[in-house]
Amino acid sequence: MILNEKIYALEFLDGSTIDIYDETVISGIVNYDDENGFYSKVVYEDNWNGDYKSPKSIGTYHIHVGVMGFYTSVDMFFIQNDRYDHKAFMTSSIKSIQF
């Protein structure tokens, strides 16, 4: 595999896209509403295949299961270590995932 190879692209409803590379670290956020109130929590923090070795990784090596499962199981995500690191994106605004 080429170092920092593009793995897939996210296309959003507004037409914008984000390219996800081999070494891109993504954090997944889930919203909770329970007896403690409404809050958001980071539940995933890793790259696309678990190589980042975060304790909060789902770490699957089947790309379609891992990627699709990730985006359907979190409410928001943000990308670390690049130009998007100060924004959280809503997974409900993803139009397509292009491999």
PDB file of N, CA and C in Angstrom:
ATOM      1  N   MET A   1       0.837  -1.178   0.000  1.00  0.00           N
ATOM      2  CA  MET A   1       0.000   0.000   0.000  1.00  0.00           C
ATOM      3  C   MET A   1       0.886   1.247   0.000  1.00  0.00           C
ATOM      4  N   ILE A   2       0.530   2.221  -0.772  1.00  0.00           N
ATOM      5  CA  ILE A   2       1.253   3.484  -0.842  1.00  0.00           C
ATOM      6  C   ILE A   2       1.056   4.236   0.466  1.00  0.00           C
ATOM      7  N   LEU A   3       2.124   4.850   0.964  1.00  0.00           N
ATOM      8  CA  LEU A   3       2.036   5.621   2.198  1.00  0.00           C
ATOM      9  C   LEU A   3       1.020   6.738   2.045  1.00  0.00           C
ATOM     10  N   ASN A   4       0.102   6.821   2.968  1.00  0.00           N
ATOM     11  CA  ASN A   4      -0.960   7.823   2.997  1.00  0.00           C
ATOM     12  C   ASN A   4      -1.804   7.819   1.717  1.00  0.00           C
ATOM     13  N   GLU A   5      -2.137   6.636   1.255  1.00  0.00           N
ATOM     14  CA  GLU A   5      -2.960   6.443   0.075  1.00  0.00           C
ATOM     15  C   GLU A   5      -4.414   6.813   0.374  1.00  0.00           C
ATOM     16  N   LYS A   6      -5.110   7.394  -0.619  1.00  0.00           N
ATOM     17  CA  LYS A   6      -6.531   7.699  -0.466  1.00  0.00           C
ATOM     18  C   LYS A   6      -7.308   6.387  -0.418  1.00  0.00           C
ATOM     19  N   ILE A   7      -8.138   6.225   0.608  1.00  0.00           N
ATOM     20  CA  ILE A   7      -8.907   5.000   0.800  1.00  0.00           C
ATOM     21  C   ILE A   7     -10.339   5.165   0.302  1.00  0.00           C
ATOM     22  N   TYR A   8     -10.983   6.269   0.659  1.00  0.00           N
ATOM     23  CA  TYR A   8     -12.337   6.541   0.196  1.00  0.00           C
ATOM     24  C   TYR A   8     -12.623   8.028   0.321  1.00  0.00           C
ATOM     25  N   ALA A   9     -13.752   8.448  -0.237  1.00  0.00           N
ATOM     26  CA  ALA A   9     -14.178   9.843  -0.156  1.00  0.00           C
ATOM     27  C   ALA A   9     -15.607   9.893   0.361  1.00  0.00           C
ATOM     28  N   LEU A  10     -15.870  10.882   1.182  1.00  0.00           N
ATOM     29  CA  LEU A  10     -17.224  11.139   1.665  1.00  0.00           C
ATOM     30  C   LEU A  10     -17.804  12.282   0.852  1.00  0.00           C
ATOM     31  N   GLU A  11     -19.001  12.101   0.318  1.00  0.00           N
ATOM     32  CA  GLU A  11     -19.698  13.178  -0.367  1.00  0.00           C
ATOM     33  C   GLU A  11     -20.898  13.563   0.486  1.00  0.00           C
ATOM     34  N   PHE A  12     -21.060  14.865   0.705  1.00  0.00           N
ATOM     35  CA  PHE A  12     -22.134  15.367   1.553  1.00  0.00           C
ATOM     36  C   PHE A  12     -23.292  15.896   0.715  1.00  0.00           C
ATOM     37  N   LEU A  13     -24.426  16.095   1.353  1.00  0.00           N
ATOM     38  CA  LEU A  13     -25.633  16.557   0.669  1.00  0.00           C
ATOM     39  C   LEU A  13     -25.448  17.893  -0.033  1.00  0.00           C
ATOM     40  N   ASP A  14     -24.546  18.738   0.483  1.00  0.00           N
ATOM     41  CA  ASP A  14     -24.309  20.043  -0.141  1.00  0.00           C
ATOM     42  C   ASP A  14     -23.312  19.978  -1.297  1.00  0.00           C
ATOM     43  N   GLY A  15     -22.819  18.778  -1.626  1.00  0.00           N
ATOM     44  CA  GLY A  15     -21.882  18.605  -2.731  1.00  0.00           C
ATOM     45  C   GLY A  15     -20.415  18.639  -2.328  1.00  0.00           C
ATOM     46  N   SER A  16     -20.119  19.003  -1.100  1.00  0.00           N
ATOM     47  CA  SER A  16     -18.730  19.034  -0.644  1.00  0.00           C
ATOM     48  C   SER A  16     -18.235  17.605  -0.407  1.00  0.00           C
ATOM     49  N   THR A  17     -16.914  17.436  -0.421  1.00  0.00           N
ATOM     50  CA  THR A  17     -16.324  16.115  -0.218  1.00  0.00           C
ATOM     51  C   THR A  17     -15.161  16.188   0.762  1.00  0.00           C
ATOM     52  N   ILE A  18     -14.882  15.060   1.378  1.00  0.00           N
ATOM     53  CA  ILE A  18     -13.711  14.896   2.235  1.00  0.00           C
ATOM     54  C   ILE A  18     -13.037  13.597   1.816  1.00  0.00           C
ATOM     55  N   ASP A  19     -11.755  13.667   1.516  1.00  0.00           N
ATOM     56  CA  ASP A  19     -10.986  12.472   1.192  1.00  0.00           C
ATOM     57  C   ASP A  19     -10.411  11.882   2.471  1.00  0.00           C
ATOM     58  N   ILE A  20     -10.536  10.582   2.612  1.00  0.00           N
ATOM     59  CA  ILE A  20     -10.006   9.869   3.769  1.00  0.00           C
ATOM     60  C   ILE A  20      -8.809   9.047   3.300  1.00  0.00           C
ATOM     61  N   TYR A  21      -7.671   9.304   3.917  1.00  0.00           N
ATOM     62  CA  TYR A  21      -6.427   8.643   3.546  1.00  0.00           C
ATOM     63  C   TYR A  21      -6.079   7.551   4.554  1.00  0.00           C
ATOM     64  N   ASP A  22      -5.107   6.725   4.193  1.00  0.00           N
ATOM     65  CA  ASP A  22      -4.688   5.595   5.016  1.00  0.00           C
ATOM     66  C   ASP A  22      -4.369   5.997   6.450  1.00  0.00           C
ATOM     67  N   GLU A  23      -3.716   7.121   6.645  1.00  0.00           N
ATOM     68  CA  GLU A  23      -3.299   7.532   7.982  1.00  0.00           C
ATOM     69  C   GLU A  23      -4.223   8.564   8.629  1.00  0.00           C
ATOM     70  N   THR A  24      -5.374   8.836   8.019  1.00  0.00           N
ATOM     71  CA  THR A  24      -6.325   9.785   8.587  1.00  0.00           C
ATOM     72  C   THR A  24      -6.933   9.209   9.865  1.00  0.00           C
ATOM     73  N   VAL A  25      -6.852   9.961  10.946  1.00  0.00           N
ATOM     74  CA  VAL A  25      -7.430   9.524  12.219  1.00  0.00           C
ATOM     75  C   VAL A  25      -8.787  10.207  12.396  1.00  0.00           C
ATOM     76  N   ILE A  26      -9.806   9.396  12.634  1.00  0.00           N
ATOM     77  CA  ILE A  26     -11.180   9.883  12.749  1.00  0.00           C
ATOM     78  C   ILE A  26     -11.699   9.584  14.149  1.00  0.00           C
ATOM     79  N   SER A  27     -12.423  10.532  14.720  1.00  0.00           N
ATOM     80  CA  SER A  27     -13.091  10.322  16.006  1.00  0.00           C
ATOM     81  C   SER A  27     -14.592  10.313  15.769  1.00  0.00           C
ATOM     82  N   GLY A  28     -15.269   9.314  16.313  1.00  0.00           N
ATOM     83  CA  GLY A  28     -16.717   9.200  16.191  1.00  0.00           C
ATOM     84  C   GLY A  28     -17.390   9.608  17.485  1.00  0.00           C
ATOM     85  N   ILE A  29     -18.473  10.360  17.363  1.00  0.00           N
ATOM     86  CA  ILE A  29     -19.184  10.911  18.512  1.00  0.00           C
ATOM     87  C   ILE A  29     -20.617  10.387  18.508  1.00  0.00           C
ATOM     88  N   VAL A  30     -21.086   9.958  19.671  1.00  0.00           N
ATOM     89  CA  VAL A  30     -22.468   9.507  19.830  1.00  0.00           C
ATOM     90  C   VAL A  30     -23.149  10.429  20.830  1.00  0.00           C
ATOM     91  N   ASN A  31     -24.383  10.816  20.518  1.00  0.00           N
ATOM     92  CA  ASN A  31     -25.183  11.637  21.423  1.00  0.00           C
ATOM     93  C   ASN A  31     -25.982  10.728  22.350  1.00  0.00           C
ATOM     94  N   TYR A  32     -26.018  11.087  23.614  1.00  0.00           N
ATOM     95  CA  TYR A  32     -26.744  10.318  24.621  1.00  0.00           C
ATOM     96  C   TYR A  32     -27.792  11.201  25.279  1.00  0.00           C
ATOM     97  N   ASP A  33     -28.913  10.608  25.617  1.00  0.00           N
ATOM     98  CA  ASP A  33     -29.969  11.280  26.366  1.00  0.00           C
ATOM     99  C   ASP A  33     -30.437  10.288  27.426  1.00  0.00           C
ATOM    100  N   ASP A  34     -29.923  10.446  28.636  1.00  0.00           N
ATOM    101  CA  ASP A  34     -30.268   9.520  29.706  1.00  0.00           C
ATOM    102  C   ASP A  34     -30.482  10.281  31.010  1.00  0.00           C
ATOM    103  N   GLU A  35     -30.484   9.573  32.134  1.00  0.00           N
ATOM    104  CA  GLU A  35     -30.744  10.217  33.429  1.00  0.00           C
ATOM    105  C   GLU A  35     -29.705  11.277  33.781  1.00  0.00           C
ATOM    106  N   ASN A  36     -28.553  11.249  33.132  1.00  0.00           N
ATOM    107  CA  ASN A  36     -27.515  12.260  33.365  1.00  0.00           C
ATOM    108  C   ASN A  36     -27.683  13.491  32.486  1.00  0.00           C
ATOM    109  N   GLY A  37     -28.685  13.481  31.619  1.00  0.00           N
ATOM    110  CA  GLY A  37     -28.920  14.604  30.722  1.00  0.00           C
ATOM    111  C   GLY A  37     -28.520  14.266  29.297  1.00  0.00           C
ATOM    112  N   PHE A  38     -28.467  15.291  28.466  1.00  0.00           N
ATOM    113  CA  PHE A  38     -28.085  15.123  27.065  1.00  0.00           C
ATOM    114  C   PHE A  38     -26.620  15.485  26.930  1.00  0.00           C
ATOM    115  N   TYR A  39     -25.841  14.597  26.343  1.00  0.00           N
ATOM    116  CA  TYR A  39     -24.416  14.866  26.164  1.00  0.00           C
ATOM    117  C   TYR A  39     -23.885  14.072  24.974  1.00  0.00           C
ATOM    118  N   SER A  40     -22.717  14.449  24.504  1.00  0.00           N
ATOM    119  CA  SER A  40     -22.039  13.754  23.417  1.00  0.00           C
ATOM    120  C   SER A  40     -20.753  13.148  23.947  1.00  0.00           C
ATOM    121  N   LYS A  41     -20.384  11.998  23.395  1.00  0.00           N
ATOM    122  CA  LYS A  41     -19.207  11.285  23.885  1.00  0.00           C
ATOM    123  C   LYS A  41     -18.426  10.705  22.708  1.00  0.00           C
ATOM    124  N   VAL A  42     -17.101  10.835  22.740  1.00  0.00           N
ATOM    125  CA  VAL A  42     -16.254  10.209  21.724  1.00  0.00           C
ATOM    126  C   VAL A  42     -16.207   8.709  22.020  1.00  0.00           C
ATOM    127  N   VAL A  43     -16.656   7.907  21.059  1.00  0.00           N
ATOM    128  CA  VAL A  43     -16.703   6.458  21.248  1.00  0.00           C
ATOM    129  C   VAL A  43     -15.729   5.716  20.335  1.00  0.00           C
ATOM    130  N   TYR A  44     -15.124   6.409  19.396  1.00  0.00           N
ATOM    131  CA  TYR A  44     -14.205   5.788  18.443  1.00  0.00           C
ATOM    132  C   TYR A  44     -13.109   6.783  18.124  1.00  0.00           C
ATOM    133  N   GLU A  45     -11.894   6.281  18.021  1.00  0.00           N
ATOM    134  CA  GLU A  45     -10.774   7.152  17.677  1.00  0.00           C
ATOM    135  C   GLU A  45      -9.701   6.288  17.038  1.00  0.00           C
ATOM    136  N   ASP A  46      -9.650   6.285  15.715  1.00  0.00           N
ATOM    137  CA  ASP A  46      -8.696   5.427  15.016  1.00  0.00           C
ATOM    138  C   ASP A  46      -8.666   5.797  13.538  1.00  0.00           C
ATOM    139  N   ASN A  47      -7.807   5.116  12.770  1.00  0.00           N
ATOM    140  CA  ASN A  47      -7.859   5.277  11.326  1.00  0.00           C
ATOM    141  C   ASN A  47      -8.770   4.197  10.752  1.00  0.00           C
ATOM    142  N   TRP A  48      -8.908   4.145   9.452  1.00  0.00           N
ATOM    143  CA  TRP A  48      -9.937   3.320   8.811  1.00  0.00           C
ATOM    144  C   TRP A  48      -9.815   1.831   9.103  1.00  0.00           C
ATOM    145  N   ASN A  49      -8.615   1.331   9.401  1.00  0.00           N
ATOM    146  CA  ASN A  49      -8.469  -0.112   9.597  1.00  0.00           C
ATOM    147  C   ASN A  49      -7.949  -0.516  10.973  1.00  0.00           C
ATOM    148  N   GLY A  50      -7.895   0.411  11.904  1.00  0.00           N
ATOM    149  CA  GLY A  50      -7.487   0.076  13.258  1.00  0.00           C
ATOM    150  C   GLY A  50      -6.002   0.145  13.527  1.00  0.00           C
ATOM    151  N   ASP A  51      -5.205   0.596  12.564  1.00  0.00           N
ATOM    152  CA  ASP A  51      -3.749   0.643  12.736  1.00  0.00           C
ATOM    153  C   ASP A  51      -3.278   1.695  13.728  1.00  0.00           C
ATOM    154  N   TYR A  52      -4.122   2.667  14.031  1.00  0.00           N
ATOM    155  CA  TYR A  52      -3.739   3.729  14.967  1.00  0.00           C
ATOM    156  C   TYR A  52      -3.628   3.188  16.391  1.00  0.00           C
ATOM    157  N   LYS A  53      -4.262   2.060  16.641  1.00  0.00           N
ATOM    158  CA  LYS A  53      -4.194   1.351  17.930  1.00  0.00           C
ATOM    159  C   LYS A  53      -4.748   2.152  19.102  1.00  0.00           C
ATOM    160  N   SER A  54      -5.819   2.849  18.858  1.00  0.00           N
ATOM    161  CA  SER A  54      -6.479   3.594  19.920  1.00  0.00           C
ATOM    162  C   SER A  54      -7.275   2.631  20.802  1.00  0.00           C
ATOM    163  N   PRO A  55      -7.369   2.911  22.101  1.00  0.00           N
ATOM    164  CA  PRO A  55      -8.210   2.067  22.954  1.00  0.00           C
ATOM    165  C   PRO A  55      -9.695   2.179  22.612  1.00  0.00           C
ATOM    166  N   LYS A  56     -10.067   3.167  21.804  1.00  0.00           N
ATOM    167  CA  LYS A  56     -11.469   3.348  21.422  1.00  0.00           C
ATOM    168  C   LYS A  56     -11.708   2.940  19.974  1.00  0.00           C
ATOM    169  N   SER A  57     -11.016   1.927  19.493  1.00  0.00           N
ATOM    170  CA  SER A  57     -11.116   1.498  18.103  1.00  0.00           C
ATOM    171  C   SER A  57     -12.116   0.365  17.937  1.00  0.00           C
ATOM    172  N   ILE A  58     -12.797   0.351  16.778  1.00  0.00           N
ATOM    173  CA  ILE A  58     -13.594  -0.822  16.440  1.00  0.00           C
ATOM    174  C   ILE A  58     -12.739  -1.816  15.672  1.00  0.00           C
ATOM    175  N   GLY A  59     -11.644  -1.344  15.101  1.00  0.00           N
ATOM    176  CA  GLY A  59     -10.593  -2.168  14.529  1.00  0.00           C
ATOM    177  C   GLY A  59     -10.994  -3.310  13.624  1.00  0.00           C
ATOM    178  N   THR A  60     -11.901  -3.129  12.696  1.00  0.00           N
ATOM    179  CA  THR A  60     -12.222  -4.183  11.743  1.00  0.00           C
ATOM    180  C   THR A  60     -11.338  -4.022  10.511  1.00  0.00           C
ATOM    181  N   TYR A  61     -10.995  -5.124   9.886  1.00  0.00           N
ATOM    182  CA  TYR A  61     -10.145  -5.057   8.704  1.00  0.00           C
ATOM    183  C   TYR A  61     -10.919  -5.274   7.415  1.00  0.00           C
ATOM    184  N   HIS A  62     -12.229  -5.370   7.467  1.00  0.00           N
ATOM    185  CA  HIS A  62     -13.037  -5.440   6.255  1.00  0.00           C
ATOM    186  C   HIS A  62     -13.543  -4.031   5.990  1.00  0.00           C
ATOM    187  N   ILE A  63     -13.002  -3.387   4.976  1.00  0.00           N
ATOM    188  CA  ILE A  63     -13.231  -1.954   4.773  1.00  0.00           C
ATOM    189  C   ILE A  63     -14.707  -1.602   4.655  1.00  0.00           C
ATOM    190  N   HIS A  64     -15.491  -2.357   3.900  1.00  0.00           N
ATOM    191  CA  HIS A  64     -16.891  -1.978   3.712  1.00  0.00           C
ATOM    192  C   HIS A  64     -17.692  -2.115   4.999  1.00  0.00           C
ATOM    193  N   VAL A  65     -17.466  -3.179   5.737  1.00  0.00           N
ATOM    194  CA  VAL A  65     -18.152  -3.356   7.018  1.00  0.00           C
ATOM    195  C   VAL A  65     -17.705  -2.287   7.997  1.00  0.00           C
ATOM    196  N   GLY A  66     -16.406  -2.066   8.077  1.00  0.00           N
ATOM    197  CA  GLY A  66     -15.873  -1.088   9.019  1.00  0.00           C
ATOM    198  C   GLY A  66     -16.320   0.325   8.726  1.00  0.00           C
ATOM    199  N   VAL A  67     -16.197   0.755   7.482  1.00  0.00           N
ATOM    200  CA  VAL A  67     -16.543   2.131   7.118  1.00  0.00           C
ATOM    201  C   VAL A  67     -18.043   2.354   7.209  1.00  0.00           C
ATOM    202  N   MET A  68     -18.829   1.486   6.598  1.00  0.00           N
ATOM    203  CA  MET A  68     -20.281   1.658   6.631  1.00  0.00           C
ATOM    204  C   MET A  68     -20.809   1.513   8.054  1.00  0.00           C
ATOM    205  N   GLY A  69     -20.301   0.545   8.786  1.00  0.00           N
ATOM    206  CA  GLY A  69     -20.718   0.356  10.172  1.00  0.00           C
ATOM    207  C   GLY A  69     -20.384   1.548  11.041  1.00  0.00           C
ATOM    208  N   PHE A  70     -19.208   2.108  10.812  1.00  0.00           N
ATOM    209  CA  PHE A  70     -18.799   3.278  11.590  1.00  0.00           C
ATOM    210  C   PHE A  70     -19.757   4.441  11.372  1.00  0.00           C
ATOM    211  N   TYR A  71     -19.986   4.816  10.117  1.00  0.00           N
ATOM    212  CA  TYR A  71     -20.808   5.994   9.848  1.00  0.00           C
ATOM    213  C   TYR A  71     -22.281   5.793  10.200  1.00  0.00           C
ATOM    214  N   THR A  72     -22.752   4.549  10.262  1.00  0.00           N
ATOM    215  CA  THR A  72     -24.139   4.328  10.684  1.00  0.00           C
ATOM    216  C   THR A  72     -24.273   4.204  12.196  1.00  0.00           C
ATOM    217  N   SER A  73     -23.160   4.055  12.908  1.00  0.00           N
ATOM    218  CA  SER A  73     -23.239   3.879  14.359  1.00  0.00           C
ATOM    219  C   SER A  73     -22.892   5.122  15.165  1.00  0.00           C
ATOM    220  N   VAL A  74     -22.434   6.179  14.505  1.00  0.00           N
ATOM    221  CA  VAL A  74     -22.126   7.417  15.225  1.00  0.00           C
ATOM    222  C   VAL A  74     -23.001   8.543  14.696  1.00  0.00           C
ATOM    223  N   ASP A  75     -23.169   9.576  15.516  1.00  0.00           N
ATOM    224  CA  ASP A  75     -23.984  10.727  15.124  1.00  0.00           C
ATOM    225  C   ASP A  75     -23.160  11.808  14.437  1.00  0.00           C
ATOM    226  N   MET A  76     -21.923  11.957  14.875  1.00  0.00           N
ATOM    227  CA  MET A  76     -21.021  12.970  14.328  1.00  0.00           C
ATOM    228  C   MET A  76     -19.614  12.396  14.301  1.00  0.00           C
ATOM    229  N   PHE A  77     -18.739  13.031  13.529  1.00  0.00           N
ATOM    230  CA  PHE A  77     -17.341  12.632  13.525  1.00  0.00           C
ATOM    231  C   PHE A  77     -16.484  13.854  13.250  1.00  0.00           C
ATOM    232  N   PHE A  78     -15.237  13.783  13.660  1.00  0.00           N
ATOM    233  CA  PHE A  78     -14.273  14.797  13.260  1.00  0.00           C
ATOM    234  C   PHE A  78     -12.978  14.118  12.882  1.00  0.00           C
ATOM    235  N   ILE A  79     -12.222  14.796  12.036  1.00  0.00           N
ATOM    236  CA  ILE A  79     -10.977  14.257  11.514  1.00  0.00           C
ATOM    237  C   ILE A  79      -9.826  14.964  12.195  1.00  0.00           C
ATOM    238  N   GLN A  80      -8.923  14.193  12.768  1.00  0.00           N
ATOM    239  CA  GLN A  80      -7.787  14.757  13.486  1.00  0.00           C
ATOM    240  C   GLN A  80      -6.616  15.000  12.538  1.00  0.00           C
ATOM    241  N   ASN A  81      -5.706  15.868  12.967  1.00  0.00           N
ATOM    242  CA  ASN A  81      -4.421  16.079  12.300  1.00  0.00           C
ATOM    243  C   ASN A  81      -4.516  16.580  10.866  1.00  0.00           C
ATOM    244  N   ASP A  82      -5.530  17.332  10.528  1.00  0.00           N
ATOM    245  CA  ASP A  82      -5.572  17.951   9.209  1.00  0.00           C
ATOM    246  C   ASP A  82      -6.433  19.203   9.259  1.00  0.00           C
ATOM    247  N   ARG A  83      -6.776  19.738   8.126  1.00  0.00           N
ATOM    248  CA  ARG A  83      -7.459  21.034   8.067  1.00  0.00           C
ATOM    249  C   ARG A  83      -8.883  21.018   8.599  1.00  0.00           C
ATOM    250  N   TYR A  84      -9.468  19.858   8.857  1.00  0.00           N
ATOM    251  CA  TYR A  84     -10.835  19.768   9.354  1.00  0.00           C
ATOM    252  C   TYR A  84     -10.919  19.605  10.862  1.00  0.00           C
ATOM    253  N   ASP A  85      -9.801  19.624  11.590  1.00  0.00           N
ATOM    254  CA  ASP A  85      -9.793  19.190  12.986  1.00  0.00           C
ATOM    255  C   ASP A  85     -10.580  20.065  13.952  1.00  0.00           C
ATOM    256  N   HIS A  86     -11.115  21.168  13.495  1.00  0.00           N
ATOM    257  CA  HIS A  86     -11.913  22.002  14.389  1.00  0.00           C
ATOM    258  C   HIS A  86     -13.406  21.926  14.077  1.00  0.00           C
ATOM    259  N   LYS A  87     -13.808  20.996  13.199  1.00  0.00           N
ATOM    260  CA  LYS A  87     -15.215  20.863  12.827  1.00  0.00           C
ATOM    261  C   LYS A  87     -15.692  19.444  13.094  1.00  0.00           C
ATOM    262  N   ALA A  88     -16.915  19.334  13.578  1.00  0.00           N
ATOM    263  CA  ALA A  88     -17.568  18.025  13.683  1.00  0.00           C
ATOM    264  C   ALA A  88     -18.603  17.952  12.568  1.00  0.00           C
ATOM    265  N   PHE A  89     -18.656  16.841  11.882  1.00  0.00           N
ATOM    266  CA  PHE A  89     -19.571  16.652  10.767  1.00  0.00           C
ATOM    267  C   PHE A  89     -20.688  15.700  11.184  1.00  0.00           C
ATOM    268  N   MET A  90     -21.905  15.997  10.771  1.00  0.00           N
ATOM    269  CA  MET A  90     -23.056  15.139  11.060  1.00  0.00           C
ATOM    270  C   MET A  90     -23.061  13.971  10.070  1.00  0.00           C
ATOM    271  N   THR A  91     -23.145  12.755  10.563  1.00  0.00           N
ATOM    272  CA  THR A  91     -23.173  11.610   9.655  1.00  0.00           C
ATOM    273  C   THR A  91     -24.462  11.576   8.836  1.00  0.00           C
ATOM    274  N   SER A  92     -25.516  12.198   9.333  1.00  0.00           N
ATOM    275  CA  SER A  92     -26.774  12.234   8.582  1.00  0.00           C
ATOM    276  C   SER A  92     -26.670  13.088   7.324  1.00  0.00           C
ATOM    277  N   SER A  93     -25.615  13.884   7.193  1.00  0.00           N
ATOM    278  CA  SER A  93     -25.440  14.717   6.004  1.00  0.00           C
ATOM    279  C   SER A  93     -24.580  14.042   4.937  1.00  0.00           C
ATOM    280  N   ILE A  94     -24.150  12.796   5.171  1.00  0.00           N
ATOM    281  CA  ILE A  94     -23.368  12.064   4.171  1.00  0.00           C
ATOM    282  C   ILE A  94     -24.308  11.546   3.089  1.00  0.00           C
ATOM    283  N   LYS A  95     -24.011  11.911   1.846  1.00  0.00           N
ATOM    284  CA  LYS A  95     -24.806  11.458   0.702  1.00  0.00           C
ATOM    285  C   LYS A  95     -24.282  10.125   0.166  1.00  0.00           C
ATOM    286  N   SER A  96     -22.953   9.999   0.064  1.00  0.00           N
ATOM    287  CA  SER A  96     -22.377   8.757  -0.448  1.00  0.00           C
ATOM    288  C   SER A  96     -20.957   8.574   0.061  1.00  0.00           C
ATOM    289  N   ILE A  97     -20.519   7.325   0.013  1.00  0.00           N
ATOM    290  CA  ILE A  97     -19.139   6.967   0.337  1.00  0.00           C
ATOM    291  C   ILE A  97     -18.583   6.298  -0.903  1.00  0.00           C
ATOM    292  N   GLN A  98     -17.519   6.878  -1.449  1.00  0.00           N
ATOM    293  CA  GLN A  98     -16.954   6.388  -2.708  1.00  0.00           C
ATOM    294  C   GLN A  98     -15.611   5.718  -2.452  1.00  0.00           C
ATOM    295  N   PHE A  99     -15.549   4.408  -2.714  1.00  0.00           N
ATOM    296  CA  PHE A  99     -14.318   3.642  -2.525  1.00  0.00           C
ATOM    297  C   PHE A  99     -13.519   3.620  -3.801  1.00  0.00           C
TER     298      PHE A  99
END
